[in-house]
Amino acid sequence: MTLYTRFATHLDAALDTLTANGVLPAGLDRRNVTVEPPRDTTHGDLATNAAMVLAKPAGVKPRDLAVALAAELEKIADVARVDVAGPGFINMMLTDDSWRSELTGIHAAADDYGRSTTGEGITVNIEYVSANPTGPMHMGHCRGAVVGDALASLLEFAGHKVIREYYVNDAGGQVDVLGRSVHLRYREALGESVTIPEGLYPGDYLVPIGQELAAEFGDRYVAAPEEEWLALFRTRAVAAMLVLIKADLALLGIHHDLFASEAELQAAGKPEAAEAELRSRDLVYDGVLEAPKGETPDDWEPVVLPLFRSTQFGDDQDRPIRKSTGQWTYFGADLAYHYQKAQSADQLIDIWGADHAGTVKRIVAAVAALTGGKTRFDVKLIQMVRLLRGGEPVKMSKRAGNFVTLADVVREVGRDVVRFTMLTRRADAQMDFDFARVVEASKDNPVFYVQYAHARIASLHRRADEAGIAAGTADLSRLDADELALVKLLAQFPRTVETAAATREPHRIAFYLGDVAAAFHALWNVGNDRPDRRFLIVDDAAATRARLYLADGAAQIIRNGLAIMGVEAVTEMN
């Protein structure tokens, strides 16, 4: 139990007492009552809105209720002072011993400190990456991959059961283009001189597939009509691309639980099942789309199509789920896919590129319709990353097919740098990834600054051992107000986890770790001018052990946060 959950229990007990004494009526809804740090830390350590939330339904004045509640809270051993502010806000100042106790709690919980049960019993399906299986991963996929994977880990840490899913778009025209591109490489492998025409995939990564097919089939399909080889070449190419994609993702430490095939989805009749379900509730009907706004094209003519009533769920217009040819629209297939996912999850999250923003309304509407509004569904839009080197745009790779591969970037700067950097800004904000800046040993580089804090603490232990001061029982009364201020920040970790999980924003963990690193470095740097404030004082073993214990608490929080981000907590830095 963390300090905040402990005080939530204390607050509940105080409200129970007021209820038993007749100050409050029984049965009040307390769900919106909170215990959290005040916005202004000079007001205290904790604040509660209980009196403001409960006064009206209780039929009492907020300040009168606050005064009565404050009298109960003052009885708690860990509370040094309670103040009633304004119309009924309650601020509490805690004893120093309560913070020393929380530091002990961080050590006791270790890797589990900050874990939450808020997601207990809830299964969340997170679909992320889902790049078309037409080539290796490139940096356009990287940010969404990291955000999705970190979000999955965050939700697991908050108690959810998480399904990590990749949707393989292997039923569209792009895989036909892939099959034709591989056929050219197949002919090339048999000695033919080929030119890659506009519209096919030019990357050299298709050469090995062509060579494998040539070795297996010889010249059997060189002059054969397309209908004889396209399905085979497409299937082989997609399989090879998935091997490549999985290997690229593994470089980032990303592994999905499930790869769902669009082709298999359609072959299993899932779109038809979704359409039947919606028609049974009059949410799909046969109708005619409105003519395009503005000047109507000469070849436009009204066509009766099956339309989903997405306007009933906040969309701008009803959407077709089939084309005039009878084929499924992208939306129709996507609708069925989400219907499938909702069968095994309580909540759905999609990680999409910002270029898909225009389709969010319709798919949110579809999920609401198919699940009766019972399934929470969030779409996180990921903005693009601009690659720079010393401030100059990075040139594309001809070998890869005019893009920068994820593998090349990870091999140059390292997995941890890539993962941490991708979480240093909100996902919906554009970002620059400068190869020179992300490896810079500077406090302006958050990757370095956080890693350095953990490595510095490891180094502190090595130096203490050399001085003959082994970490052991610590007299925490030696920690003063400035040092306990760091403990107060460390105690924010469980709340940060729960808030980040609730808002689906893993970047909050990176921001918080930056604050922890900055606070630790600031405390360390005081010792540069004041020897008595150093973490290692050779002739004062008691002070050293207390500060080692404090530093280890900070290191534990950094490790726990980095683990959520999928980043290693290093003990040495070159």
Protein backbone atom coordinates (compact mmCIF):
# COMPACT_ATOMS: atom_id res chain seq x y z
CA MET A 1 0.00 0.00 0.00
CA THR A 2 1.46 3.37 -1.03
CA LEU A 3 1.13 6.62 0.88
CA TYR A 4 -1.71 7.84 -1.33
CA THR A 5 -3.75 4.66 -1.08
CA ARG A 6 -3.10 4.62 2.68
CA PHE A 7 -4.44 8.15 3.05
CA ALA A 8 -7.42 7.35 0.85
CA THR A 9 -8.20 4.64 3.42
CA HIS A 10 -7.70 7.12 6.27
CA LEU A 11 -10.06 9.56 4.55
CA ASP A 12 -12.70 6.87 4.08
CA ALA A 13 -12.47 6.01 7.77
CA ALA A 14 -12.85 9.70 8.73
CA LEU A 15 -15.92 10.03 6.50
CA ASP A 16 -17.33 6.84 8.04
CA THR A 17 -16.93 8.44 11.47
CA LEU A 18 -18.77 11.59 10.36
CA THR A 19 -21.53 9.40 8.94
CA ALA A 20 -21.81 7.45 12.20
CA ASN A 21 -21.96 10.76 14.12
CA GLY A 22 -24.78 12.06 11.93
CA VAL A 23 -22.73 14.82 10.29
CA LEU A 24 -23.13 13.08 6.92
CA PRO A 25 -26.07 11.01 5.67
CA ALA A 26 -25.43 7.36 4.81
CA GLY A 27 -25.00 6.22 1.22
CA LEU A 28 -23.20 9.24 -0.25
CA ASP A 29 -21.37 8.60 -3.53
CA ARG A 30 -17.66 9.07 -2.79
CA ARG A 31 -16.30 8.12 -6.21
CA ASN A 32 -15.23 11.69 -7.03
CA VAL A 33 -13.46 12.22 -3.71
CA THR A 34 -9.69 12.43 -4.23
CA VAL A 35 -6.48 12.58 -2.23
CA GLU A 36 -3.67 14.21 -4.17
CA PRO A 37 -0.83 16.71 -3.88
CA PRO A 38 -2.00 20.33 -3.77
CA ARG A 39 -1.20 22.44 -6.83
CA ASP A 40 0.88 24.74 -4.63
CA THR A 41 3.28 22.63 -2.54
CA THR A 42 3.54 25.43 0.05
CA HIS A 43 -0.04 24.58 1.05
CA GLY A 44 0.94 21.12 2.27
CA ASP A 45 1.72 17.57 1.20
CA LEU A 46 -1.78 16.27 0.49
CA ALA A 47 -5.12 17.81 -0.35
CA THR A 48 -8.65 16.44 -0.52
CA ASN A 49 -11.77 17.77 -2.21
CA ALA A 50 -14.05 15.67 0.01
CA ALA A 51 -15.91 18.58 1.59
CA MET A 52 -16.46 20.30 -1.77
CA VAL A 53 -17.77 17.10 -3.38
CA LEU A 54 -19.96 15.84 -0.55
CA ALA A 55 -21.38 19.05 0.94
CA LYS A 56 -24.19 19.61 -1.57
CA PRO A 57 -25.60 16.05 -1.55
CA ALA A 58 -25.24 16.07 2.25
CA GLY A 59 -27.11 19.35 2.54
CA VAL A 60 -24.38 21.13 4.53
CA LYS A 61 -22.03 24.04 3.89
CA PRO A 62 -18.68 22.95 2.41
CA ARG A 63 -16.60 24.83 4.96
CA ASP A 64 -18.59 23.44 7.91
CA LEU A 65 -18.05 19.93 6.59
CA ALA A 66 -14.37 20.68 5.97
CA VAL A 67 -13.87 21.82 9.57
CA ALA A 68 -15.54 18.67 10.91
CA LEU A 69 -13.51 16.45 8.58
CA ALA A 70 -10.27 18.26 9.43
CA ALA A 71 -10.83 17.48 13.11
CA GLU A 72 -10.94 13.76 12.25
CA LEU A 73 -7.92 13.89 9.94
CA GLU A 74 -5.82 15.59 12.64
CA LYS A 75 -6.10 12.39 14.68
CA ILE A 76 -4.06 10.43 12.12
CA ALA A 77 -0.56 9.74 13.43
CA ASP A 78 1.12 10.66 10.12
CA VAL A 79 -0.56 14.09 9.96
CA ALA A 80 1.33 17.06 11.39
CA ARG A 81 -1.21 19.74 10.50
CA VAL A 82 -4.56 20.17 8.71
CA ASP A 83 -5.67 23.47 7.19
CA VAL A 84 -9.09 24.42 5.81
CA ALA A 85 -8.72 26.88 2.93
CA GLY A 86 -11.26 29.00 1.08
CA PRO A 87 -14.77 27.57 0.84
CA GLY A 88 -13.77 24.10 2.01
CA PHE A 89 -10.51 22.79 0.58
CA ILE A 90 -8.51 20.67 3.00
CA ASN A 91 -4.71 20.63 2.99
CA MET A 92 -2.59 18.29 5.10
CA MET A 93 1.03 18.54 6.11
CA LEU A 94 2.52 15.15 6.91
CA THR A 95 5.17 14.29 9.47
CA ASP A 96 8.73 13.71 8.33
CA ASP A 97 8.47 10.16 9.65
CA SER A 98 5.62 9.44 7.25
CA TRP A 99 7.94 10.20 4.32
CA ARG A 100 10.74 8.13 5.86
CA SER A 101 8.24 5.31 6.13
CA GLU A 102 7.33 5.73 2.46
CA LEU A 103 11.01 5.46 1.49
CA THR A 104 11.14 2.20 3.41
CA GLY A 105 8.04 1.12 1.51
CA ILE A 106 9.76 1.79 -1.82
CA HIS A 107 12.61 -0.49 -0.78
CA ALA A 108 10.24 -3.19 0.48
CA ALA A 109 8.09 -3.23 -2.66
CA ALA A 110 11.13 -2.93 -4.93
CA ASP A 111 10.19 -3.82 -8.53
CA ASP A 112 6.51 -3.87 -7.59
CA TYR A 113 6.42 -0.34 -6.17
CA GLY A 114 3.89 1.61 -8.18
CA ARG A 115 1.99 -1.43 -9.44
CA SER A 116 -1.74 -0.86 -9.38
CA THR A 117 -4.89 -2.92 -9.29
CA THR A 118 -6.98 -0.29 -11.09
CA GLY A 119 -7.03 -2.45 -14.21
CA GLU A 120 -7.75 -5.72 -12.45
CA GLY A 121 -10.29 -7.83 -14.33
CA ILE A 122 -10.06 -5.68 -17.47
CA THR A 123 -8.64 -7.06 -20.72
CA VAL A 124 -7.29 -4.48 -23.17
CA ASN A 125 -6.44 -5.17 -26.79
CA ILE A 126 -3.78 -2.80 -28.12
CA GLU A 127 -3.22 -2.87 -31.86
CA TYR A 128 -0.04 -1.11 -32.90
CA VAL A 129 2.40 -0.91 -35.78
CA SER A 130 0.22 -2.85 -38.28
CA ALA A 131 2.38 -1.65 -41.16
CA ASN A 132 1.54 -3.05 -44.59
CA PRO A 133 3.60 -6.25 -45.07
CA THR A 134 5.40 -4.86 -48.09
CA GLY A 135 8.86 -4.14 -46.74
CA PRO A 136 11.07 -3.75 -43.66
CA MET A 137 10.12 -1.42 -40.83
CA HIS A 138 11.14 2.17 -41.38
CA MET A 139 11.29 5.15 -39.04
CA GLY A 140 7.79 6.15 -40.03
CA HIS A 141 6.62 3.09 -38.07
CA CYS A 142 8.99 3.49 -35.12
CA ARG A 143 7.19 6.00 -32.95
CA GLY A 144 3.85 4.20 -33.05
CA ALA A 145 5.62 0.91 -32.29
CA VAL A 146 7.32 2.32 -29.19
CA VAL A 147 4.25 4.20 -27.95
CA GLY A 148 2.07 1.12 -28.39
CA ASP A 149 4.53 -1.20 -26.69
CA ALA A 150 5.17 1.16 -23.77
CA LEU A 151 1.42 1.69 -23.36
CA ALA A 152 0.92 -2.08 -23.23
CA SER A 153 3.56 -2.40 -20.49
CA LEU A 154 2.07 0.55 -18.63
CA LEU A 155 -1.40 -0.97 -18.62
CA GLU A 156 0.00 -4.30 -17.46
CA PHE A 157 1.78 -2.50 -14.62
CA ALA A 158 -1.57 -0.92 -13.74
CA GLY A 159 -3.16 -4.36 -13.45
CA HIS A 160 -4.76 -4.90 -16.86
CA LYS A 161 -4.50 -8.05 -18.93
CA VAL A 162 -3.12 -6.87 -22.27
CA ILE A 163 -3.26 -8.41 -25.74
CA ARG A 164 -0.61 -6.98 -28.05
CA GLU A 165 -1.91 -7.29 -31.61
CA TYR A 166 -0.60 -6.59 -35.11
CA TYR A 167 -3.13 -6.39 -37.95
CA VAL A 168 -1.66 -7.75 -41.18
CA ASN A 169 -3.20 -5.92 -44.16
CA ASP A 170 -2.69 -8.81 -46.57
CA ALA A 171 -5.94 -8.55 -48.55
CA GLY A 172 -5.54 -5.25 -50.37
CA GLY A 173 -4.10 -4.15 -53.68
CA GLN A 174 -0.74 -3.39 -52.09
CA VAL A 175 0.02 -7.10 -51.68
CA ASP A 176 -0.72 -7.67 -55.35
CA VAL A 177 1.84 -4.97 -56.10
CA LEU A 178 4.23 -6.77 -53.75
CA GLY A 179 3.68 -10.06 -55.60
CA ARG A 180 4.40 -8.41 -58.97
CA SER A 181 7.53 -6.77 -57.54
CA VAL A 182 8.81 -10.12 -56.30
CA HIS A 183 8.09 -11.66 -59.72
CA LEU A 184 10.48 -9.16 -61.25
CA ARG A 185 13.16 -10.12 -58.71
CA TYR A 186 12.45 -13.78 -59.48
CA ARG A 187 13.12 -13.15 -63.16
CA GLU A 188 16.21 -11.14 -62.25
CA ALA A 189 17.51 -14.07 -60.20
CA LEU A 190 17.19 -16.24 -63.33
CA GLY A 191 19.50 -13.92 -65.25
CA GLU A 192 17.09 -11.46 -66.82
CA SER A 193 17.96 -7.76 -66.71
CA VAL A 194 14.99 -5.98 -65.18
CA THR A 195 13.94 -2.39 -64.59
CA ILE A 196 11.60 -1.67 -61.69
CA PRO A 197 8.75 0.39 -63.15
CA GLU A 198 6.94 3.18 -61.32
CA GLY A 199 4.34 1.77 -58.95
CA LEU A 200 6.25 -1.36 -57.89
CA TYR A 201 8.45 -1.73 -54.82
CA PRO A 202 12.09 -1.05 -55.77
CA GLY A 203 13.90 -2.05 -52.56
CA ASP A 204 16.73 -4.58 -52.66
CA TYR A 205 15.13 -6.35 -49.69
CA LEU A 206 13.01 -8.28 -52.24
CA VAL A 207 16.04 -9.75 -53.99
CA PRO A 208 16.47 -12.72 -51.60
CA ILE A 209 12.80 -13.70 -52.02
CA GLY A 210 13.18 -13.71 -55.80
CA GLN A 211 16.29 -15.85 -55.46
CA GLU A 212 14.51 -18.37 -53.23
CA LEU A 213 11.60 -18.66 -55.67
CA ALA A 214 14.01 -19.06 -58.58
CA ALA A 215 15.84 -21.85 -56.77
CA GLU A 216 12.56 -23.60 -56.00
CA PHE A 217 10.63 -23.21 -59.27
CA GLY A 218 13.28 -22.55 -61.89
CA ASP A 219 11.83 -20.77 -64.94
CA ARG A 220 8.34 -22.24 -64.48
CA TYR A 221 6.66 -18.87 -63.93
CA VAL A 222 8.82 -16.60 -66.08
CA ALA A 223 6.43 -16.45 -69.02
CA ALA A 224 3.34 -17.81 -67.26
CA PRO A 225 0.23 -15.59 -67.08
CA GLU A 226 -0.19 -13.63 -63.89
CA GLU A 227 -3.19 -15.61 -62.67
CA GLU A 228 -0.95 -18.70 -62.40
CA TRP A 229 1.67 -17.17 -60.11
CA LEU A 230 0.33 -14.03 -58.42
CA ALA A 231 -1.39 -15.73 -55.44
CA LEU A 232 1.67 -17.88 -54.78
CA PHE A 233 4.18 -15.04 -55.07
CA ARG A 234 1.97 -12.79 -52.94
CA THR A 235 1.69 -15.39 -50.16
CA ARG A 236 5.41 -16.13 -50.15
CA ALA A 237 6.28 -12.44 -50.19
CA VAL A 238 3.96 -11.58 -47.29
CA ALA A 239 5.36 -14.45 -45.23
CA ALA A 240 8.92 -13.27 -45.90
CA MET A 241 8.02 -9.67 -45.06
CA LEU A 242 6.50 -10.72 -41.75
CA VAL A 243 9.74 -12.50 -40.85
CA LEU A 244 11.59 -9.30 -41.69
CA ILE A 245 9.13 -7.12 -39.77
CA LYS A 246 9.27 -9.32 -36.66
CA ALA A 247 13.06 -9.24 -36.72
CA ASP A 248 13.05 -5.45 -37.01
CA LEU A 249 10.61 -5.09 -34.12
CA ALA A 250 12.69 -7.48 -32.03
CA LEU A 251 15.58 -5.01 -32.32
CA LEU A 252 13.35 -2.62 -30.37
CA GLY A 253 12.37 -5.33 -27.91
CA ILE A 254 8.84 -5.48 -29.33
CA HIS A 255 6.96 -8.77 -29.58
CA HIS A 256 3.25 -9.09 -30.37
CA ASP A 257 0.96 -11.74 -28.92
CA LEU A 258 -1.13 -11.99 -32.04
CA PHE A 259 -0.78 -11.34 -35.76
CA ALA A 260 -4.29 -11.10 -37.22
CA SER A 261 -4.63 -11.57 -40.99
CA GLU A 262 -7.08 -9.45 -42.96
CA ALA A 263 -7.20 -12.15 -45.65
CA GLU A 264 -8.11 -14.80 -43.09
CA LEU A 265 -10.69 -12.47 -41.55
CA GLN A 266 -12.43 -12.11 -44.88
CA ALA A 267 -12.12 -15.80 -45.75
CA ALA A 268 -13.82 -16.64 -42.43
CA GLY A 269 -16.80 -14.45 -43.34
CA LYS A 270 -16.28 -12.01 -40.46
CA PRO A 271 -17.35 -8.93 -42.49
CA GLU A 272 -20.60 -10.68 -43.45
CA ALA A 273 -21.21 -11.51 -39.79
CA ALA A 274 -20.65 -7.91 -38.76
CA GLU A 275 -22.98 -6.67 -41.50
CA ALA A 276 -25.68 -9.14 -40.44
CA GLU A 277 -25.37 -8.01 -36.83
CA LEU A 278 -25.75 -4.36 -37.79
CA ARG A 279 -28.64 -5.03 -40.18
CA SER A 280 -30.46 -6.88 -37.41
CA ARG A 281 -30.45 -3.61 -35.47
CA ASP A 282 -31.23 -1.43 -38.51
CA LEU A 283 -27.75 0.09 -38.39
CA VAL A 284 -26.94 -0.92 -41.97
CA TYR A 285 -29.31 -0.10 -44.80
CA ASP A 286 -29.18 0.03 -48.60
CA GLY A 287 -29.00 3.60 -49.78
CA VAL A 288 -27.36 6.10 -52.09
CA LEU A 289 -24.47 8.32 -51.08
CA GLU A 290 -24.80 12.05 -51.53
CA ALA A 291 -23.09 13.50 -54.59
CA PRO A 292 -19.58 14.85 -53.92
CA LYS A 293 -19.59 18.42 -52.67
CA GLY A 294 -18.64 21.08 -55.16
CA GLU A 295 -18.50 20.32 -58.87
CA THR A 296 -19.85 16.82 -59.56
CA PRO A 297 -17.52 14.65 -61.70
CA ASP A 298 -18.86 13.73 -65.16
CA ASP A 299 -18.59 10.01 -64.42
CA TRP A 300 -20.42 10.16 -61.07
CA GLU A 301 -23.70 8.34 -60.88
CA PRO A 302 -25.83 7.34 -57.88
CA VAL A 303 -25.28 3.71 -56.78
CA VAL A 304 -27.17 1.80 -54.12
CA LEU A 305 -24.70 0.60 -51.49
CA PRO A 306 -24.96 -0.93 -48.00
CA LEU A 307 -24.44 2.05 -45.68
CA PHE A 308 -23.65 2.06 -41.97
CA ARG A 309 -25.64 4.64 -39.97
CA SER A 310 -22.53 6.25 -38.53
CA THR A 311 -24.28 9.64 -38.24
CA GLN A 312 -26.21 8.16 -35.31
CA PHE A 313 -22.89 7.96 -33.48
CA GLY A 314 -21.48 11.40 -34.25
CA ASP A 315 -19.99 10.89 -37.72
CA ASP A 316 -20.48 13.44 -40.53
CA GLN A 317 -22.22 11.05 -42.94
CA ASP A 318 -23.24 7.41 -43.26
CA ARG A 319 -20.46 5.23 -44.62
CA PRO A 320 -20.48 2.46 -47.25
CA ILE A 321 -19.20 -0.92 -46.12
CA ARG A 322 -19.07 -2.39 -49.66
CA LYS A 323 -18.04 -1.02 -53.03
CA SER A 324 -20.28 -1.12 -56.09
CA THR A 325 -18.30 -4.24 -57.13
CA GLY A 326 -19.45 -6.00 -53.96
CA GLN A 327 -15.94 -5.93 -52.49
CA TRP A 328 -15.55 -4.71 -48.94
CA THR A 329 -14.47 -1.13 -48.46
CA TYR A 330 -11.50 -0.54 -46.20
CA PHE A 331 -13.98 0.64 -43.57
CA GLY A 332 -16.14 -2.47 -43.98
CA ALA A 333 -13.19 -4.78 -43.42
CA ASP A 334 -11.92 -2.64 -40.55
CA LEU A 335 -15.34 -2.68 -38.94
CA ALA A 336 -15.36 -6.49 -38.98
CA TYR A 337 -11.83 -6.62 -37.58
CA HIS A 338 -12.77 -4.48 -34.61
CA TYR A 339 -15.87 -6.58 -34.08
CA GLN A 340 -13.57 -9.60 -33.87
CA LYS A 341 -11.25 -7.90 -31.38
CA ALA A 342 -14.14 -6.86 -29.15
CA GLN A 343 -15.10 -10.52 -28.68
CA SER A 344 -12.03 -11.11 -26.51
CA ALA A 345 -11.37 -7.74 -24.88
CA ASP A 346 -13.19 -5.26 -22.64
CA GLN A 347 -11.35 -2.27 -24.08
CA LEU A 348 -9.70 -1.55 -27.42
CA ILE A 349 -6.85 0.81 -28.26
CA ASP A 350 -5.58 1.53 -31.78
CA ILE A 351 -2.26 3.27 -32.40
CA TRP A 352 -2.53 5.04 -35.77
CA GLY A 353 -0.48 7.48 -37.77
CA ALA A 354 -1.87 11.02 -37.82
CA ASP A 355 -2.65 10.63 -41.54
CA HIS A 356 -5.56 8.37 -40.50
CA ALA A 357 -7.24 11.10 -38.45
CA GLY A 358 -10.10 11.41 -40.94
CA THR A 359 -11.27 7.85 -40.32
CA VAL A 360 -11.37 8.00 -36.52
CA LYS A 361 -15.00 9.13 -36.23
CA ARG A 362 -16.40 6.34 -38.37
CA ILE A 363 -14.50 3.49 -36.69
CA VAL A 364 -15.32 4.83 -33.22
CA ALA A 365 -18.95 4.94 -34.32
CA ALA A 366 -18.75 1.37 -35.63
CA VAL A 367 -17.29 0.00 -32.39
CA ALA A 368 -19.93 1.83 -30.37
CA ALA A 369 -22.63 0.30 -32.55
CA LEU A 370 -21.24 -3.24 -32.56
CA THR A 371 -20.62 -3.36 -28.80
CA GLY A 372 -23.65 -1.42 -27.66
CA GLY A 373 -21.36 1.27 -26.29
CA LYS A 374 -19.98 -1.14 -23.66
CA THR A 375 -16.43 -1.35 -25.02
CA ARG A 376 -14.13 1.57 -24.33
CA PHE A 377 -12.29 2.38 -27.55
CA ASP A 378 -9.42 4.84 -27.87
CA VAL A 379 -7.53 5.80 -31.01
CA LYS A 380 -4.12 7.34 -30.32
CA LEU A 381 -2.83 9.37 -33.26
CA ILE A 382 0.94 9.45 -33.68
CA GLN A 383 2.55 12.41 -35.37
CA MET A 384 5.46 12.05 -37.75
CA VAL A 385 9.14 12.05 -36.81
CA ARG A 386 11.58 14.21 -38.73
CA LEU A 387 15.04 12.64 -38.99
CA LEU A 388 18.00 14.99 -38.71
CA ARG A 389 21.73 14.72 -38.39
CA GLY A 390 23.29 17.79 -36.82
CA GLY A 391 20.20 19.76 -37.77
CA GLU A 392 20.21 18.67 -41.42
CA PRO A 393 17.56 16.33 -42.91
CA VAL A 394 18.73 12.73 -43.26
CA LYS A 395 18.99 11.35 -46.80
CA MET A 396 16.86 8.38 -47.72
CA SER A 397 18.27 4.89 -48.38
CA LYS A 398 18.12 3.65 -51.96
CA ARG A 399 18.85 0.11 -50.82
CA ALA A 400 15.76 0.10 -48.61
CA GLY A 401 13.56 1.70 -51.24
CA ASN A 402 13.76 5.42 -50.48
CA PHE A 403 13.28 5.30 -46.72
CA VAL A 404 15.40 5.04 -43.56
CA THR A 405 15.08 1.62 -41.96
CA LEU A 406 14.34 1.18 -38.29
CA ALA A 407 17.09 -1.44 -38.10
CA ASP A 408 19.74 1.00 -39.32
CA VAL A 409 18.71 3.60 -36.73
CA VAL A 410 18.67 1.12 -33.83
CA ARG A 411 22.07 -0.22 -34.82
CA GLU A 412 23.53 3.28 -34.92
CA VAL A 413 22.22 4.79 -31.66
CA GLY A 414 20.93 1.80 -29.69
CA ARG A 415 17.52 0.47 -28.71
CA ASP A 416 17.29 2.36 -25.42
CA VAL A 417 17.99 5.70 -27.04
CA VAL A 418 15.35 5.12 -29.71
CA ARG A 419 12.69 3.94 -27.26
CA PHE A 420 13.26 6.67 -24.69
CA THR A 421 13.44 9.43 -27.29
CA MET A 422 10.13 8.38 -28.86
CA LEU A 423 8.47 8.95 -25.47
CA THR A 424 9.93 12.37 -24.74
CA ARG A 425 7.02 14.18 -26.37
CA ARG A 426 3.29 13.70 -26.48
CA ALA A 427 2.40 11.24 -29.23
CA ASP A 428 0.19 13.81 -30.98
CA ALA A 429 3.02 16.37 -31.20
CA GLN A 430 5.54 16.31 -34.04
CA MET A 431 9.10 15.59 -33.06
CA ASP A 432 12.63 15.78 -34.40
CA PHE A 433 15.01 12.86 -34.02
CA ASP A 434 18.51 14.22 -34.41
CA PHE A 435 21.15 11.49 -34.51
CA ALA A 436 23.69 13.84 -32.94
CA ARG A 437 21.45 15.16 -30.14
CA VAL A 438 20.01 11.84 -28.95
CA VAL A 439 23.45 10.49 -28.02
CA GLU A 440 24.71 13.74 -26.54
CA ALA A 441 26.07 13.49 -22.97
CA SER A 442 24.18 16.52 -21.71
CA LYS A 443 21.44 17.39 -19.24
CA ASP A 444 19.51 18.68 -22.26
CA ASN A 445 19.28 15.08 -23.48
CA PRO A 446 16.66 13.36 -21.30
CA VAL A 447 17.82 9.89 -22.32
CA PHE A 448 21.32 10.57 -21.02
CA TYR A 449 20.14 12.52 -17.96
CA VAL A 450 17.92 9.74 -16.61
CA GLN A 451 20.38 6.95 -17.42
CA TYR A 452 23.17 8.96 -15.84
CA ALA A 453 21.24 9.32 -12.59
CA HIS A 454 20.94 5.53 -12.28
CA ALA A 455 24.57 4.96 -13.29
CA ARG A 456 25.70 7.64 -10.83
CA ILE A 457 23.94 5.83 -7.98
CA ALA A 458 25.59 2.54 -8.97
CA SER A 459 28.94 4.32 -9.00
CA LEU A 460 28.18 5.74 -5.55
CA HIS A 461 27.84 2.18 -4.22
CA ARG A 462 31.15 1.17 -5.72
CA ARG A 463 32.89 4.14 -4.13
CA ALA A 464 31.23 3.52 -0.77
CA ASP A 465 32.40 -0.10 -0.87
CA GLU A 466 35.94 1.08 -1.59
CA ALA A 467 35.68 3.39 1.42
CA GLY A 468 34.58 0.47 3.58
CA ILE A 469 31.01 1.73 4.02
CA ALA A 470 28.67 -1.07 3.02
CA ALA A 471 24.98 -0.35 2.54
CA GLY A 472 23.05 -1.63 5.52
CA THR A 473 20.67 -0.49 8.23
CA ALA A 474 20.16 3.21 7.75
CA ASP A 475 19.21 5.82 10.33
CA LEU A 476 16.68 7.75 8.26
CA SER A 477 16.44 10.49 10.89
CA ARG A 478 19.65 11.76 9.27
CA LEU A 479 17.64 12.76 6.19
CA ASP A 480 16.68 16.43 6.31
CA ALA A 481 13.91 18.43 4.63
CA ASP A 482 15.79 18.83 1.33
CA GLU A 483 16.40 15.09 1.12
CA LEU A 484 12.83 14.25 2.11
CA ALA A 485 11.68 16.51 -0.72
CA LEU A 486 13.15 13.89 -3.08
CA VAL A 487 11.19 11.18 -1.25
CA LYS A 488 8.00 13.17 -1.78
CA LEU A 489 8.71 13.18 -5.50
CA LEU A 490 9.48 9.45 -5.53
CA ALA A 491 6.16 8.81 -3.80
CA GLN A 492 4.40 10.33 -6.82
CA PHE A 493 5.29 7.31 -8.95
CA PRO A 494 2.19 5.20 -8.20
CA ARG A 495 -0.09 8.14 -8.97
CA THR A 496 1.86 8.85 -12.16
CA VAL A 497 1.39 5.25 -13.27
CA GLU A 498 -2.36 5.32 -12.62
CA THR A 499 -2.83 8.69 -14.33
CA ALA A 500 -0.74 7.69 -17.34
CA ALA A 501 -2.67 4.43 -17.66
CA ALA A 502 -6.06 6.14 -17.35
CA THR A 503 -5.18 8.74 -20.00
CA ARG A 504 -3.33 6.22 -22.21
CA GLU A 505 -0.24 8.46 -22.18
CA PRO A 506 3.03 6.59 -21.57
CA HIS A 507 5.05 9.74 -22.19
CA ARG A 508 4.03 10.82 -18.67
CA ILE A 509 6.42 8.19 -17.31
CA ALA A 510 9.32 9.67 -19.30
CA PHE A 511 8.47 13.19 -18.12
CA TYR A 512 8.26 12.03 -14.50
CA LEU A 513 11.59 10.20 -14.68
CA GLY A 514 13.13 13.39 -16.03
CA ASP A 515 11.88 15.20 -12.93
CA VAL A 516 13.28 12.49 -10.65
CA ALA A 517 16.67 12.59 -12.37
CA ALA A 518 16.78 16.39 -12.19
CA ALA A 519 15.92 16.38 -8.47
CA PHE A 520 18.53 13.73 -7.72
CA HIS A 521 21.27 15.49 -9.73
CA ALA A 522 20.40 18.80 -8.04
CA LEU A 523 20.75 17.21 -4.60
CA TRP A 524 24.02 15.61 -5.66
CA ASN A 525 25.40 18.86 -7.05
CA VAL A 526 24.93 20.67 -3.74
CA GLY A 527 27.83 18.56 -2.49
CA ASN A 528 30.12 20.14 -5.05
CA ASP A 529 30.20 23.29 -2.90
CA ARG A 530 29.34 21.78 0.49
CA PRO A 531 31.27 18.65 1.49
CA ASP A 532 28.84 17.99 4.36
CA ARG A 533 26.03 17.58 1.81
CA ARG A 534 27.76 14.91 -0.25
CA PHE A 535 26.21 11.47 -0.57
CA LEU A 536 29.52 9.87 0.39
CA ILE A 537 31.19 11.19 3.52
CA VAL A 538 34.04 8.87 4.43
CA ASP A 539 34.21 9.89 8.09
CA ASP A 540 30.42 9.85 8.64
CA ALA A 541 29.19 6.34 7.86
CA ALA A 542 25.72 6.98 9.33
CA ALA A 543 25.04 9.95 7.04
CA THR A 544 26.42 8.02 4.08
CA ARG A 545 24.18 5.00 4.73
CA ALA A 546 21.10 7.19 5.05
CA ARG A 547 21.88 8.95 1.78
CA LEU A 548 22.72 5.66 0.09
CA TYR A 549 19.30 4.43 1.16
CA LEU A 550 17.72 7.55 -0.32
CA ALA A 551 19.71 7.18 -3.55
CA ASP A 552 18.71 3.53 -3.81
CA GLY A 553 15.06 4.57 -3.51
CA ALA A 554 15.55 6.93 -6.45
CA ALA A 555 17.32 4.21 -8.43
CA GLN A 556 14.44 1.82 -7.77
CA ILE A 557 11.89 4.30 -9.10
CA ILE A 558 14.04 4.95 -12.17
CA ARG A 559 14.32 1.19 -12.81
CA ASN A 560 10.58 0.69 -12.44
CA GLY A 561 9.79 3.55 -14.79
CA LEU A 562 12.37 2.54 -17.38
CA ALA A 563 11.05 -1.03 -17.30
CA ILE A 564 7.63 0.28 -18.32
CA MET A 565 9.29 2.17 -21.17
CA GLY A 566 11.26 -0.91 -22.23
CA VAL A 567 14.59 0.78 -21.48
CA GLU A 568 17.49 -0.73 -19.55
CA ALA A 569 18.66 0.95 -16.35
CA VAL A 570 22.42 1.00 -16.91
CA THR A 571 24.99 0.90 -14.12
CA GLU A 572 27.86 2.36 -16.13
CA MET A 573 28.10 4.90 -18.93
CA ASN A 574 30.97 5.29 -21.36
